[in-house]
Amino acid sequence: MAADVKEAVERIEKGVNKAKAVFFDKAEDGKIAAERFVKHGRYAVENGFEEAVHKVNREPFKFLAIAFAAGVLFGFVMPRFGRR
């Protein structure tokens, strides 16, 4: 009977070790995927910012007019929300 118990304990240990290895492999894969996602996001933001600067430098009056219109709209709408 002791041999059966010992064998059962060994099987359980093997199962636990296998499950632990699978868990840590998946956690490592998730960490790598998250790092890659952050890196790609950072590159996308940098590229978008560079493109926006390029467009503003190419057509400054158009973007100045857009900024002015947005400011006027914001200044017109916000006081209406401030009233009770």
C-alpha atoms as a PDB file:
ATOM      1  CA  MET A   1       0.000   0.000   0.000  1.00  0.00           C
ATOM      2  CA  ALA A   2       2.861   2.392   0.734  1.00  0.00           C
ATOM      3  CA  ALA A   3       4.213   1.855  -2.772  1.00  0.00           C
ATOM      4  CA  ASP A   4       0.831   2.782  -4.259  1.00  0.00           C
ATOM      5  CA  VAL A   5       0.678   5.972  -2.220  1.00  0.00           C
ATOM      6  CA  LYS A   6       4.250   6.852  -3.177  1.00  0.00           C
ATOM      7  CA  GLU A   7       3.453   6.240  -6.858  1.00  0.00           C
ATOM      8  CA  ALA A   8       0.322   8.384  -6.648  1.00  0.00           C
ATOM      9  CA  VAL A   9       2.295  11.209  -5.022  1.00  0.00           C
ATOM     10  CA  GLU A  10       4.899  11.027  -7.797  1.00  0.00           C
ATOM     11  CA  ARG A  11       2.186  11.208 -10.474  1.00  0.00           C
ATOM     12  CA  ILE A  12       0.618  14.191  -8.758  1.00  0.00           C
ATOM     13  CA  GLU A  13       4.013  15.925  -8.516  1.00  0.00           C
ATOM     14  CA  LYS A  14       4.648  15.333 -12.211  1.00  0.00           C
ATOM     15  CA  GLY A  15       1.227  16.743 -13.068  1.00  0.00           C
ATOM     16  CA  VAL A  16       1.756  19.801 -10.882  1.00  0.00           C
ATOM     17  CA  ASN A  17       5.226  20.416 -12.353  1.00  0.00           C
ATOM     18  CA  LYS A  18       3.856  20.058 -15.873  1.00  0.00           C
ATOM     19  CA  ALA A  19       0.985  22.473 -15.150  1.00  0.00           C
ATOM     20  CA  LYS A  20       3.396  24.933 -13.558  1.00  0.00           C
ATOM     21  CA  ALA A  21       5.694  24.805 -16.605  1.00  0.00           C
ATOM     22  CA  VAL A  22       2.763  25.405 -18.964  1.00  0.00           C
ATOM     23  CA  PHE A  23       1.547  28.314 -16.833  1.00  0.00           C
ATOM     24  CA  PHE A  24       4.945  30.019 -16.759  1.00  0.00           C
ATOM     25  CA  ASP A  25       5.411  29.497 -20.511  1.00  0.00           C
ATOM     26  CA  LYS A  26       2.058  31.168 -21.200  1.00  0.00           C
ATOM     27  CA  ALA A  27       2.878  34.000 -18.777  1.00  0.00           C
ATOM     28  CA  GLU A  28       6.201  34.583 -20.556  1.00  0.00           C
ATOM     29  CA  ASP A  29       4.445  34.577 -23.945  1.00  0.00           C
ATOM     30  CA  GLY A  30       1.962  37.145 -22.634  1.00  0.00           C
ATOM     31  CA  LYS A  31       4.758  39.340 -21.320  1.00  0.00           C
ATOM     32  CA  ILE A  32       6.547  39.258 -24.670  1.00  0.00           C
ATOM     33  CA  ALA A  33       3.309  40.052 -26.518  1.00  0.00           C
ATOM     34  CA  ALA A  34       2.602  42.997 -24.194  1.00  0.00           C
ATOM     35  CA  GLU A  35       6.103  44.392 -24.694  1.00  0.00           C
ATOM     36  CA  ARG A  36       5.737  44.073 -28.467  1.00  0.00           C
ATOM     37  CA  PHE A  37       2.320  45.794 -28.330  1.00  0.00           C
ATOM     38  CA  VAL A  38       3.736  48.720 -26.353  1.00  0.00           C
ATOM     39  CA  LYS A  39       6.696  49.061 -28.714  1.00  0.00           C
ATOM     40  CA  HIS A  40       4.458  49.071 -31.808  1.00  0.00           C
ATOM     41  CA  GLY A  41       2.118  51.571 -30.171  1.00  0.00           C
ATOM     42  CA  ARG A  42       5.000  53.894 -29.375  1.00  0.00           C
ATOM     43  CA  TYR A  43       6.243  53.726 -32.971  1.00  0.00           C
ATOM     44  CA  ALA A  44       2.740  54.430 -34.281  1.00  0.00           C
ATOM     45  CA  VAL A  45       2.406  57.511 -32.057  1.00  0.00           C
ATOM     46  CA  GLU A  46       5.826  58.786 -33.097  1.00  0.00           C
ATOM     47  CA  ASN A  47       5.007  58.300 -36.782  1.00  0.00           C
ATOM     48  CA  GLY A  48       1.625  59.981 -36.383  1.00  0.00           C
ATOM     49  CA  PHE A  49       3.199  62.945 -34.623  1.00  0.00           C
ATOM     50  CA  GLU A  50       5.856  63.311 -37.311  1.00  0.00           C
ATOM     51  CA  GLU A  51       3.191  63.150 -40.011  1.00  0.00           C
ATOM     52  CA  ALA A  52       1.071  65.783 -38.248  1.00  0.00           C
ATOM     53  CA  VAL A  53       4.046  68.117 -37.935  1.00  0.00           C
ATOM     54  CA  HIS A  54       4.810  67.608 -41.622  1.00  0.00           C
ATOM     55  CA  LYS A  55       1.225  68.424 -42.630  1.00  0.00           C
ATOM     56  CA  VAL A  56       1.119  71.545 -40.440  1.00  0.00           C
ATOM     57  CA  ASN A  57       4.408  72.738 -41.931  1.00  0.00           C
ATOM     58  CA  ARG A  58       3.073  72.128 -45.442  1.00  0.00           C
ATOM     59  CA  GLU A  59      -0.290  73.908 -44.927  1.00  0.00           C
ATOM     60  CA  PRO A  60       0.005  76.220 -41.900  1.00  0.00           C
ATOM     61  CA  PHE A  61      -2.938  78.533 -42.721  1.00  0.00           C
ATOM     62  CA  LYS A  62      -5.361  75.624 -43.093  1.00  0.00           C
ATOM     63  CA  PHE A  63      -4.482  74.290 -39.651  1.00  0.00           C
ATOM     64  CA  LEU A  64      -4.517  77.773 -38.153  1.00  0.00           C
ATOM     65  CA  ALA A  65      -8.073  78.208 -39.473  1.00  0.00           C
ATOM     66  CA  ILE A  66      -9.081  74.822 -38.058  1.00  0.00           C
ATOM     67  CA  ALA A  67      -7.609  75.734 -34.651  1.00  0.00           C
ATOM     68  CA  PHE A  68      -9.411  79.088 -34.706  1.00  0.00           C
ATOM     69  CA  ALA A  69     -12.742  77.448 -35.606  1.00  0.00           C
ATOM     70  CA  ALA A  70     -12.303  74.861 -32.862  1.00  0.00           C
ATOM     71  CA  GLY A  71     -11.536  77.608 -30.340  1.00  0.00           C
ATOM     72  CA  VAL A  72     -14.595  79.621 -31.364  1.00  0.00           C
ATOM     73  CA  LEU A  73     -16.817  76.558 -31.165  1.00  0.00           C
ATOM     74  CA  PHE A  74     -15.387  75.603 -27.780  1.00  0.00           C
ATOM     75  CA  GLY A  75     -15.808  79.153 -26.481  1.00  0.00           C
ATOM     76  CA  PHE A  76     -19.403  79.274 -27.729  1.00  0.00           C
ATOM     77  CA  VAL A  77     -20.493  75.869 -26.406  1.00  0.00           C
ATOM     78  CA  MET A  78     -18.757  75.747 -23.017  1.00  0.00           C
ATOM     79  CA  PRO A  79     -20.547  78.696 -21.345  1.00  0.00           C
ATOM     80  CA  ARG A  80     -23.885  77.078 -22.191  1.00  0.00           C
ATOM     81  CA  PHE A  81     -22.908  73.927 -20.284  1.00  0.00           C
ATOM     82  CA  GLY A  82     -21.682  76.006 -17.341  1.00  0.00           C
ATOM     83  CA  ARG A  83     -25.151  77.437 -16.622  1.00  0.00           C
ATOM     84  CA  ARG A  84     -27.506  75.637 -14.328  1.00  0.00           C
END
